[in-house]
Amino acid sequence: MSDGIELGPVGQEIVYENDRVRVWHIRLEPGESQPLHRHDHPYLVVAIQGAKNVVQTIDGTRIDADEPTGGIVYRDPGAVHMLTNVGNTTYLARLVELK
């Protein structure tokens, strides 16, 4: 699905990693986007500071993804998408990949 398209990292920085998990730091200012990326592992997103986000899949599907502060979401692997903060607050999250 993403053949020939350069994909970015899942987050901006790996803050912890061992043989079972990888934890990413994600920070998006209002209007900022995380580049198109692929999730190769199941993962949890923990919203440290919530925001109104939009997920855009590689096939163009747009999904509203309001993430309240303290919210936790589990997602299966395989998704190729980008995330944009369309709200007016900074979005901070930890994304925990389960290896």
PDB file of N, CA and C in Angstrom:
ATOM      1  N   MET A   1       0.808  -1.199   0.000  1.00  0.00           N
ATOM      2  CA  MET A   1       0.000   0.000   0.000  1.00  0.00           C
ATOM      3  C   MET A   1       0.845   1.255   0.000  1.00  0.00           C
ATOM      4  N   SER A   2       2.012   1.214   0.651  1.00  0.00           N
ATOM      5  CA  SER A   2       2.858   2.399   0.720  1.00  0.00           C
ATOM      6  C   SER A   2       4.087   2.257  -0.175  1.00  0.00           C
ATOM      7  N   ASP A   3       4.048   1.308  -1.131  1.00  0.00           N
ATOM      8  CA  ASP A   3       5.182   1.082  -2.013  1.00  0.00           C
ATOM      9  C   ASP A   3       5.558   2.360  -2.753  1.00  0.00           C
ATOM     10  N   GLY A   4       6.844   2.698  -2.709  1.00  0.00           N
ATOM     11  CA  GLY A   4       7.336   3.858  -3.422  1.00  0.00           C
ATOM     12  C   GLY A   4       7.122   5.176  -2.700  1.00  0.00           C
ATOM     13  N   ILE A   5       6.468   5.160  -1.559  1.00  0.00           N
ATOM     14  CA  ILE A   5       6.232   6.376  -0.790  1.00  0.00           C
ATOM     15  C   ILE A   5       7.143   6.360   0.421  1.00  0.00           C
ATOM     16  N   GLU A   6       7.877   7.454   0.621  1.00  0.00           N
ATOM     17  CA  GLU A   6       8.758   7.528   1.781  1.00  0.00           C
ATOM     18  C   GLU A   6       7.928   7.805   3.029  1.00  0.00           C
ATOM     19  N   LEU A   7       8.088   6.948   4.028  1.00  0.00           N
ATOM     20  CA  LEU A   7       7.332   7.081   5.264  1.00  0.00           C
ATOM     21  C   LEU A   7       8.213   7.660   6.355  1.00  0.00           C
ATOM     22  N   GLY A   8       7.595   8.447   7.229  1.00  0.00           N
ATOM     23  CA  GLY A   8       8.311   9.032   8.350  1.00  0.00           C
ATOM     24  C   GLY A   8       8.255   8.127   9.565  1.00  0.00           C
ATOM     25  N   PRO A   9       8.865   8.572  10.668  1.00  0.00           N
ATOM     26  CA  PRO A   9       8.816   7.804  11.906  1.00  0.00           C
ATOM     27  C   PRO A   9       7.443   7.914  12.562  1.00  0.00           C
ATOM     28  N   VAL A  10       7.167   7.013  13.474  1.00  0.00           N
ATOM     29  CA  VAL A  10       5.897   6.976  14.205  1.00  0.00           C
ATOM     30  C   VAL A  10       5.745   8.196  15.127  1.00  0.00           C
ATOM     31  N   GLY A  11       6.863   8.658  15.687  1.00  0.00           N
ATOM     32  CA  GLY A  11       6.858   9.823  16.568  1.00  0.00           C
ATOM     33  C   GLY A  11       8.120  10.633  16.373  1.00  0.00           C
ATOM     34  N   GLN A  12       8.298  11.657  17.207  1.00  0.00           N
ATOM     35  CA  GLN A  12       9.484  12.504  17.051  1.00  0.00           C
ATOM     36  C   GLN A  12      10.718  11.932  17.731  1.00  0.00           C
ATOM     37  N   GLU A  13      10.522  11.162  18.802  1.00  0.00           N
ATOM     38  CA  GLU A  13      11.670  10.682  19.570  1.00  0.00           C
ATOM     39  C   GLU A  13      11.298   9.405  20.309  1.00  0.00           C
ATOM     40  N   ILE A  14      12.218   8.441  20.310  1.00  0.00           N
ATOM     41  CA  ILE A  14      12.044   7.239  21.134  1.00  0.00           C
ATOM     42  C   ILE A  14      12.539   7.586  22.535  1.00  0.00           C
ATOM     43  N   VAL A  15      11.637   7.469  23.527  1.00  0.00           N
ATOM     44  CA  VAL A  15      12.003   7.818  24.901  1.00  0.00           C
ATOM     45  C   VAL A  15      12.302   6.588  25.761  1.00  0.00           C
ATOM     46  N   TYR A  16      11.933   5.407  25.268  1.00  0.00           N
ATOM     47  CA  TYR A  16      12.234   4.162  25.981  1.00  0.00           C
ATOM     48  C   TYR A  16      12.094   3.010  25.001  1.00  0.00           C
ATOM     49  N   GLU A  17      12.988   2.031  25.129  1.00  0.00           N
ATOM     50  CA  GLU A  17      12.862   0.837  24.293  1.00  0.00           C
ATOM     51  C   GLU A  17      13.548  -0.339  24.968  1.00  0.00           C
ATOM     52  N   ASN A  18      12.887  -1.504  24.887  1.00  0.00           N
ATOM     53  CA  ASN A  18      13.511  -2.763  25.275  1.00  0.00           C
ATOM     54  C   ASN A  18      13.021  -3.817  24.280  1.00  0.00           C
ATOM     55  N   ASP A  19      13.197  -5.106  24.595  1.00  0.00           N
ATOM     56  CA  ASP A  19      12.825  -6.140  23.631  1.00  0.00           C
ATOM     57  C   ASP A  19      11.316  -6.350  23.519  1.00  0.00           C
ATOM     58  N   ARG A  20      10.513  -5.717  24.373  1.00  0.00           N
ATOM     59  CA  ARG A  20       9.060  -5.917  24.345  1.00  0.00           C
ATOM     60  C   ARG A  20       8.259  -4.690  23.938  1.00  0.00           C
ATOM     61  N   VAL A  21       8.798  -3.489  24.212  1.00  0.00           N
ATOM     62  CA  VAL A  21       8.065  -2.261  23.898  1.00  0.00           C
ATOM     63  C   VAL A  21       9.004  -1.192  23.348  1.00  0.00           C
ATOM     64  N   ARG A  22       8.412  -0.248  22.617  1.00  0.00           N
ATOM     65  CA  ARG A  22       9.111   0.963  22.180  1.00  0.00           C
ATOM     66  C   ARG A  22       8.149   2.115  22.477  1.00  0.00           C
ATOM     67  N   VAL A  23       8.631   3.150  23.163  1.00  0.00           N
ATOM     68  CA  VAL A  23       7.787   4.278  23.546  1.00  0.00           C
ATOM     69  C   VAL A  23       8.260   5.529  22.814  1.00  0.00           C
ATOM     70  N   TRP A  24       7.333   6.131  22.061  1.00  0.00           N
ATOM     71  CA  TRP A  24       7.595   7.336  21.283  1.00  0.00           C
ATOM     72  C   TRP A  24       6.999   8.556  21.974  1.00  0.00           C
ATOM     73  N   HIS A  25       7.686   9.690  21.861  1.00  0.00           N
ATOM     74  CA  HIS A  25       7.156  10.987  22.265  1.00  0.00           C
ATOM     75  C   HIS A  25       6.560  11.636  21.015  1.00  0.00           C
ATOM     76  N   ILE A  26       5.349  12.155  21.153  1.00  0.00           N
ATOM     77  CA  ILE A  26       4.696  12.871  20.048  1.00  0.00           C
ATOM     78  C   ILE A  26       4.249  14.229  20.571  1.00  0.00           C
ATOM     79  N   ARG A  27       4.589  15.276  19.849  1.00  0.00           N
ATOM     80  CA  ARG A  27       4.152  16.633  20.175  1.00  0.00           C
ATOM     81  C   ARG A  27       3.754  17.310  18.871  1.00  0.00           C
ATOM     82  N   LEU A  28       2.519  17.781  18.810  1.00  0.00           N
ATOM     83  CA  LEU A  28       2.034  18.514  17.644  1.00  0.00           C
ATOM     84  C   LEU A  28       1.423  19.829  18.098  1.00  0.00           C
ATOM     85  N   GLU A  29       1.955  20.907  17.585  1.00  0.00           N
ATOM     86  CA  GLU A  29       1.361  22.219  17.841  1.00  0.00           C
ATOM     87  C   GLU A  29       0.103  22.354  16.973  1.00  0.00           C
ATOM     88  N   PRO A  30      -0.786  23.279  17.307  1.00  0.00           N
ATOM     89  CA  PRO A  30      -1.976  23.484  16.463  1.00  0.00           C
ATOM     90  C   PRO A  30      -1.577  23.687  14.999  1.00  0.00           C
ATOM     91  N   GLY A  31      -2.208  22.935  14.106  1.00  0.00           N
ATOM     92  CA  GLY A  31      -1.927  23.018  12.676  1.00  0.00           C
ATOM     93  C   GLY A  31      -0.769  22.146  12.211  1.00  0.00           C
ATOM     94  N   GLU A  32      -0.031  21.562  13.116  1.00  0.00           N
ATOM     95  CA  GLU A  32       1.130  20.736  12.763  1.00  0.00           C
ATOM     96  C   GLU A  32       0.704  19.296  12.482  1.00  0.00           C
ATOM     97  N   SER A  33       1.457  18.631  11.578  1.00  0.00           N
ATOM     98  CA  SER A  33       1.159  17.240  11.203  1.00  0.00           C
ATOM     99  C   SER A  33       2.337  16.333  11.473  1.00  0.00           C
ATOM    100  N   GLN A  34       2.027  15.111  11.848  1.00  0.00           N
ATOM    101  CA  GLN A  34       3.006  14.018  11.910  1.00  0.00           C
ATOM    102  C   GLN A  34       3.027  13.450  10.493  1.00  0.00           C
ATOM    103  N   PRO A  35       4.198  13.230   9.875  1.00  0.00           N
ATOM    104  CA  PRO A  35       4.223  12.770   8.485  1.00  0.00           C
ATOM    105  C   PRO A  35       3.594  11.385   8.321  1.00  0.00           C
ATOM    106  N   LEU A  36       3.316  11.057   7.079  1.00  0.00           N
ATOM    107  CA  LEU A  36       2.787   9.743   6.737  1.00  0.00           C
ATOM    108  C   LEU A  36       3.727   8.679   7.291  1.00  0.00           C
ATOM    109  N   HIS A  37       3.161   7.708   8.018  1.00  0.00           N
ATOM    110  CA  HIS A  37       3.965   6.661   8.649  1.00  0.00           C
ATOM    111  C   HIS A  37       3.144   5.376   8.750  1.00  0.00           C
ATOM    112  N   ARG A  38       3.841   4.271   9.018  1.00  0.00           N
ATOM    113  CA  ARG A  38       3.185   2.964   9.121  1.00  0.00           C
ATOM    114  C   ARG A  38       3.399   2.404  10.522  1.00  0.00           C
ATOM    115  N   HIS A  39       2.361   1.776  11.046  1.00  0.00           N
ATOM    116  CA  HIS A  39       2.455   1.099  12.337  1.00  0.00           C
ATOM    117  C   HIS A  39       2.647  -0.392  12.091  1.00  0.00           C
ATOM    118  N   ASP A  40       3.844  -0.894  12.392  1.00  0.00           N
ATOM    119  CA  ASP A  40       4.167  -2.299  12.182  1.00  0.00           C
ATOM    120  C   ASP A  40       3.856  -3.160  13.401  1.00  0.00           C
ATOM    121  N   HIS A  41       3.510  -2.532  14.515  1.00  0.00           N
ATOM    122  CA  HIS A  41       3.219  -3.239  15.763  1.00  0.00           C
ATOM    123  C   HIS A  41       1.889  -2.740  16.332  1.00  0.00           C
ATOM    124  N   PRO A  42       1.183  -3.575  17.104  1.00  0.00           N
ATOM    125  CA  PRO A  42       0.033  -3.048  17.844  1.00  0.00           C
ATOM    126  C   PRO A  42       0.543  -1.971  18.803  1.00  0.00           C
ATOM    127  N   TYR A  43      -0.331  -0.998  19.126  1.00  0.00           N
ATOM    128  CA  TYR A  43       0.146   0.096  19.955  1.00  0.00           C
ATOM    129  C   TYR A  43      -0.958   0.743  20.775  1.00  0.00           C
ATOM    130  N   LEU A  44      -0.518   1.430  21.827  1.00  0.00           N
ATOM    131  CA  LEU A  44      -1.381   2.247  22.674  1.00  0.00           C
ATOM    132  C   LEU A  44      -0.944   3.693  22.516  1.00  0.00           C
ATOM    133  N   VAL A  45      -1.929   4.601  22.490  1.00  0.00           N
ATOM    134  CA  VAL A  45      -1.633   6.027  22.520  1.00  0.00           C
ATOM    135  C   VAL A  45      -2.173   6.568  23.834  1.00  0.00           C
ATOM    136  N   VAL A  46      -1.306   7.228  24.604  1.00  0.00           N
ATOM    137  CA  VAL A  46      -1.696   7.848  25.866  1.00  0.00           C
ATOM    138  C   VAL A  46      -1.574   9.357  25.676  1.00  0.00           C
ATOM    139  N   ALA A  47      -2.705  10.049  25.721  1.00  0.00           N
ATOM    140  CA  ALA A  47      -2.720  11.504  25.531  1.00  0.00           C
ATOM    141  C   ALA A  47      -2.360  12.188  26.844  1.00  0.00           C
ATOM    142  N   ILE A  48      -1.190  12.787  26.888  1.00  0.00           N
ATOM    143  CA  ILE A  48      -0.750  13.517  28.075  1.00  0.00           C
ATOM    144  C   ILE A  48      -1.428  14.882  28.101  1.00  0.00           C
ATOM    145  N   GLN A  49      -1.521  15.499  26.945  1.00  0.00           N
ATOM    146  CA  GLN A  49      -2.277  16.744  26.773  1.00  0.00           C
ATOM    147  C   GLN A  49      -3.087  16.572  25.502  1.00  0.00           C
ATOM    148  N   GLY A  50      -4.382  16.487  25.657  1.00  0.00           N
ATOM    149  CA  GLY A  50      -5.252  16.167  24.535  1.00  0.00           C
ATOM    150  C   GLY A  50      -5.411  17.294  23.538  1.00  0.00           C
ATOM    151  N   ALA A  51      -5.946  16.938  22.379  1.00  0.00           N
ATOM    152  CA  ALA A  51      -6.197  17.900  21.307  1.00  0.00           C
ATOM    153  C   ALA A  51      -7.216  17.302  20.346  1.00  0.00           C
ATOM    154  N   LYS A  52      -7.696  18.143  19.470  1.00  0.00           N
ATOM    155  CA  LYS A  52      -8.592  17.706  18.398  1.00  0.00           C
ATOM    156  C   LYS A  52      -7.711  17.360  17.201  1.00  0.00           C
ATOM    157  N   ASN A  53      -7.648  16.077  16.875  1.00  0.00           N
ATOM    158  CA  ASN A  53      -6.786  15.599  15.800  1.00  0.00           C
ATOM    159  C   ASN A  53      -7.602  15.001  14.668  1.00  0.00           C
ATOM    160  N   VAL A  54      -6.971  14.921  13.513  1.00  0.00           N
ATOM    161  CA  VAL A  54      -7.546  14.251  12.355  1.00  0.00           C
ATOM    162  C   VAL A  54      -6.519  13.262  11.825  1.00  0.00           C
ATOM    163  N   VAL A  55      -6.963  12.033  11.580  1.00  0.00           N
ATOM    164  CA  VAL A  55      -6.132  11.006  10.956  1.00  0.00           C
ATOM    165  C   VAL A  55      -6.512  10.967   9.477  1.00  0.00           C
ATOM    166  N   GLN A  56      -5.512  11.017   8.608  1.00  0.00           N
ATOM    167  CA  GLN A  56      -5.743  10.862   7.181  1.00  0.00           C
ATOM    168  C   GLN A  56      -4.995   9.626   6.722  1.00  0.00           C
ATOM    169  N   THR A  57      -5.735   8.628   6.234  1.00  0.00           N
ATOM    170  CA  THR A  57      -5.123   7.374   5.804  1.00  0.00           C
ATOM    171  C   THR A  57      -4.495   7.534   4.431  1.00  0.00           C
ATOM    172  N   ILE A  58      -3.659   6.586   4.066  1.00  0.00           N
ATOM    173  CA  ILE A  58      -2.959   6.641   2.789  1.00  0.00           C
ATOM    174  C   ILE A  58      -3.929   6.631   1.609  1.00  0.00           C
ATOM    175  N   ASP A  59      -5.122   6.045   1.813  1.00  0.00           N
ATOM    176  CA  ASP A  59      -6.111   6.022   0.725  1.00  0.00           C
ATOM    177  C   ASP A  59      -7.018   7.248   0.734  1.00  0.00           C
ATOM    178  N   GLY A  60      -6.733   8.228   1.612  1.00  0.00           N
ATOM    179  CA  GLY A  60      -7.473   9.488   1.610  1.00  0.00           C
ATOM    180  C   GLY A  60      -8.629   9.577   2.586  1.00  0.00           C
ATOM    181  N   THR A  61      -8.883   8.520   3.344  1.00  0.00           N
ATOM    182  CA  THR A  61      -9.958   8.554   4.331  1.00  0.00           C
ATOM    183  C   THR A  61      -9.575   9.496   5.469  1.00  0.00           C
ATOM    184  N   ARG A  62     -10.532  10.339   5.870  1.00  0.00           N
ATOM    185  CA  ARG A  62     -10.316  11.293   6.967  1.00  0.00           C
ATOM    186  C   ARG A  62     -11.123  10.828   8.173  1.00  0.00           C
ATOM    187  N   ILE A  63     -10.450  10.718   9.325  1.00  0.00           N
ATOM    188  CA  ILE A  63     -11.087  10.234  10.550  1.00  0.00           C
ATOM    189  C   ILE A  63     -10.868  11.266  11.642  1.00  0.00           C
ATOM    190  N   ASP A  64     -11.951  11.797  12.218  1.00  0.00           N
ATOM    191  CA  ASP A  64     -11.827  12.687  13.365  1.00  0.00           C
ATOM    192  C   ASP A  64     -11.342  11.877  14.554  1.00  0.00           C
ATOM    193  N   ALA A  65     -10.325  12.399  15.244  1.00  0.00           N
ATOM    194  CA  ALA A  65      -9.725  11.658  16.355  1.00  0.00           C
ATOM    195  C   ALA A  65      -9.512  12.607  17.532  1.00  0.00           C
ATOM    196  N   ASP A  66     -10.609  13.031  18.146  1.00  0.00           N
ATOM    197  CA  ASP A  66     -10.499  13.844  19.353  1.00  0.00           C
ATOM    198  C   ASP A  66      -9.860  12.991  20.437  1.00  0.00           C
ATOM    199  N   GLU A  67      -8.790  13.488  21.021  1.00  0.00           N
ATOM    200  CA  GLU A  67      -8.070  12.737  22.045  1.00  0.00           C
ATOM    201  C   GLU A  67      -8.036  13.568  23.318  1.00  0.00           C
ATOM    202  N   PRO A  68      -8.891  13.237  24.296  1.00  0.00           N
ATOM    203  CA  PRO A  68      -8.922  14.016  25.537  1.00  0.00           C
ATOM    204  C   PRO A  68      -7.692  13.746  26.399  1.00  0.00           C
ATOM    205  N   THR A  69      -7.305  14.730  27.187  1.00  0.00           N
ATOM    206  CA  THR A  69      -6.197  14.565  28.120  1.00  0.00           C
ATOM    207  C   THR A  69      -6.463  13.349  29.006  1.00  0.00           C
ATOM    208  N   GLY A  70      -5.469  12.461  29.097  1.00  0.00           N
ATOM    209  CA  GLY A  70      -5.592  11.244  29.896  1.00  0.00           C
ATOM    210  C   GLY A  70      -6.211  10.083  29.148  1.00  0.00           C
ATOM    211  N   GLY A  71      -6.686  10.312  27.930  1.00  0.00           N
ATOM    212  CA  GLY A  71      -7.299   9.246  27.147  1.00  0.00           C
ATOM    213  C   GLY A  71      -6.276   8.229  26.675  1.00  0.00           C
ATOM    214  N   ILE A  72      -6.725   6.986  26.547  1.00  0.00           N
ATOM    215  CA  ILE A  72      -5.874   5.896  26.071  1.00  0.00           C
ATOM    216  C   ILE A  72      -6.617   5.162  24.964  1.00  0.00           C
ATOM    217  N   VAL A  73      -5.927   4.919  23.852  1.00  0.00           N
ATOM    218  CA  VAL A  73      -6.516   4.236  22.704  1.00  0.00           C
ATOM    219  C   VAL A  73      -5.602   3.091  22.297  1.00  0.00           C
ATOM    220  N   TYR A  74      -6.180   1.919  22.013  1.00  0.00           N
ATOM    221  CA  TYR A  74      -5.431   0.782  21.473  1.00  0.00           C
ATOM    222  C   TYR A  74      -5.725   0.678  19.983  1.00  0.00           C
ATOM    223  N   ARG A  75      -4.691   0.406  19.199  1.00  0.00           N
ATOM    224  CA  ARG A  75      -4.887   0.216  17.754  1.00  0.00           C
ATOM    225  C   ARG A  75      -4.071  -0.984  17.271  1.00  0.00           C
ATOM    226  N   ASP A  76      -4.647  -1.699  16.317  1.00  0.00           N
ATOM    227  CA  ASP A  76      -3.962  -2.836  15.694  1.00  0.00           C
ATOM    228  C   ASP A  76      -2.904  -2.331  14.704  1.00  0.00           C
ATOM    229  N   PRO A  77      -1.909  -3.172  14.376  1.00  0.00           N
ATOM    230  CA  PRO A  77      -0.875  -2.765  13.428  1.00  0.00           C
ATOM    231  C   PRO A  77      -1.411  -2.710  12.005  1.00  0.00           C
ATOM    232  N   GLY A  78      -0.582  -2.142  11.128  1.00  0.00           N
ATOM    233  CA  GLY A  78      -0.873  -2.134   9.705  1.00  0.00           C
ATOM    234  C   GLY A  78      -1.305  -0.799   9.145  1.00  0.00           C
ATOM    235  N   ALA A  79      -1.733   0.120   9.996  1.00  0.00           N
ATOM    236  CA  ALA A  79      -2.224   1.406   9.503  1.00  0.00           C
ATOM    237  C   ALA A  79      -1.093   2.236   8.893  1.00  0.00           C
ATOM    238  N   VAL A  80      -1.401   2.880   7.768  1.00  0.00           N
ATOM    239  CA  VAL A  80      -0.509   3.867   7.161  1.00  0.00           C
ATOM    240  C   VAL A  80      -1.314   5.152   7.102  1.00  0.00           C
ATOM    241  N   HIS A  81      -0.851   6.157   7.847  1.00  0.00           N
ATOM    242  CA  HIS A  81      -1.620   7.396   7.935  1.00  0.00           C
ATOM    243  C   HIS A  81      -0.741   8.545   8.410  1.00  0.00           C
ATOM    244  N   MET A  82      -1.329   9.740   8.417  1.00  0.00           N
ATOM    245  CA  MET A  82      -0.697  10.898   9.026  1.00  0.00           C
ATOM    246  C   MET A  82      -1.671  11.471  10.042  1.00  0.00           C
ATOM    247  N   LEU A  83      -1.146  12.204  11.007  1.00  0.00           N
ATOM    248  CA  LEU A  83      -1.954  12.787  12.073  1.00  0.00           C
ATOM    249  C   LEU A  83      -1.748  14.289  12.060  1.00  0.00           C
ATOM    250  N   THR A  84      -2.860  15.058  12.114  1.00  0.00           N
ATOM    251  CA  THR A  84      -2.791  16.514  12.137  1.00  0.00           C
ATOM    252  C   THR A  84      -3.571  17.039  13.332  1.00  0.00           C
ATOM    253  N   ASN A  85      -2.973  17.956  14.062  1.00  0.00           N
ATOM    254  CA  ASN A  85      -3.644  18.635  15.160  1.00  0.00           C
ATOM    255  C   ASN A  85      -4.446  19.782  14.558  1.00  0.00           C
ATOM    256  N   VAL A  86      -5.770  19.640  14.514  1.00  0.00           N
ATOM    257  CA  VAL A  86      -6.642  20.671  13.934  1.00  0.00           C
ATOM    258  C   VAL A  86      -7.272  21.547  15.012  1.00  0.00           C
ATOM    259  N   GLY A  87      -6.888  21.313  16.270  1.00  0.00           N
ATOM    260  CA  GLY A  87      -7.426  22.095  17.376  1.00  0.00           C
ATOM    261  C   GLY A  87      -6.578  23.322  17.658  1.00  0.00           C
ATOM    262  N   ASN A  88      -6.801  23.902  18.826  1.00  0.00           N
ATOM    263  CA  ASN A  88      -6.058  25.109  19.202  1.00  0.00           C
ATOM    264  C   ASN A  88      -5.200  24.896  20.453  1.00  0.00           C
ATOM    265  N   THR A  89      -4.951  23.624  20.804  1.00  0.00           N
ATOM    266  CA  THR A  89      -4.080  23.302  21.936  1.00  0.00           C
ATOM    267  C   THR A  89      -2.946  22.399  21.459  1.00  0.00           C
ATOM    268  N   THR A  90      -1.822  22.444  22.153  1.00  0.00           N
ATOM    269  CA  THR A  90      -0.694  21.558  21.853  1.00  0.00           C
ATOM    270  C   THR A  90      -1.079  20.129  22.222  1.00  0.00           C
ATOM    271  N   TYR A  91      -0.766  19.193  21.348  1.00  0.00           N
ATOM    272  CA  TYR A  91      -1.021  17.774  21.594  1.00  0.00           C
ATOM    273  C   TYR A  91       0.281  17.119  22.046  1.00  0.00           C
ATOM    274  N   LEU A  92       0.239  16.462  23.206  1.00  0.00           N
ATOM    275  CA  LEU A  92       1.375  15.698  23.711  1.00  0.00           C
ATOM    276  C   LEU A  92       0.909  14.284  23.992  1.00  0.00           C
ATOM    277  N   ALA A  93       1.671  13.299  23.531  1.00  0.00           N
ATOM    278  CA  ALA A  93       1.277  11.904  23.744  1.00  0.00           C
ATOM    279  C   ALA A  93       2.498  11.016  23.840  1.00  0.00           C
ATOM    280  N   ARG A  94       2.273   9.837  24.403  1.00  0.00           N
ATOM    281  CA  ARG A  94       3.239   8.750  24.364  1.00  0.00           C
ATOM    282  C   ARG A  94       2.578   7.634  23.588  1.00  0.00           C
ATOM    283  N   LEU A  95       3.271   7.116  22.605  1.00  0.00           N
ATOM    284  CA  LEU A  95       2.784   6.002  21.807  1.00  0.00           C
ATOM    285  C   LEU A  95       3.627   4.785  22.188  1.00  0.00           C
ATOM    286  N   VAL A  96       2.985   3.738  22.667  1.00  0.00           N
ATOM    287  CA  VAL A  96       3.666   2.544  23.149  1.00  0.00           C
ATOM    288  C   VAL A  96       3.452   1.422  22.142  1.00  0.00           C
ATOM    289  N   GLU A  97       4.495   1.072  21.421  1.00  0.00           N
ATOM    290  CA  GLU A  97       4.437  -0.054  20.488  1.00  0.00           C
ATOM    291  C   GLU A  97       4.708  -1.339  21.251  1.00  0.00           C
ATOM    292  N   LEU A  98       3.879  -2.359  21.013  1.00  0.00           N
ATOM    293  CA  LEU A  98       4.042  -3.667  21.639  1.00  0.00           C
ATOM    294  C   LEU A  98       4.727  -4.581  20.626  1.00  0.00           C
ATOM    295  N   LYS A  99       5.967  -4.966  20.915  1.00  0.00           N
ATOM    296  CA  LYS A  99       6.732  -5.778  19.961  1.00  0.00           C
ATOM    297  C   LYS A  99       6.352  -7.234  20.023  1.00  0.00           C
TER     298      LYS A  99
END
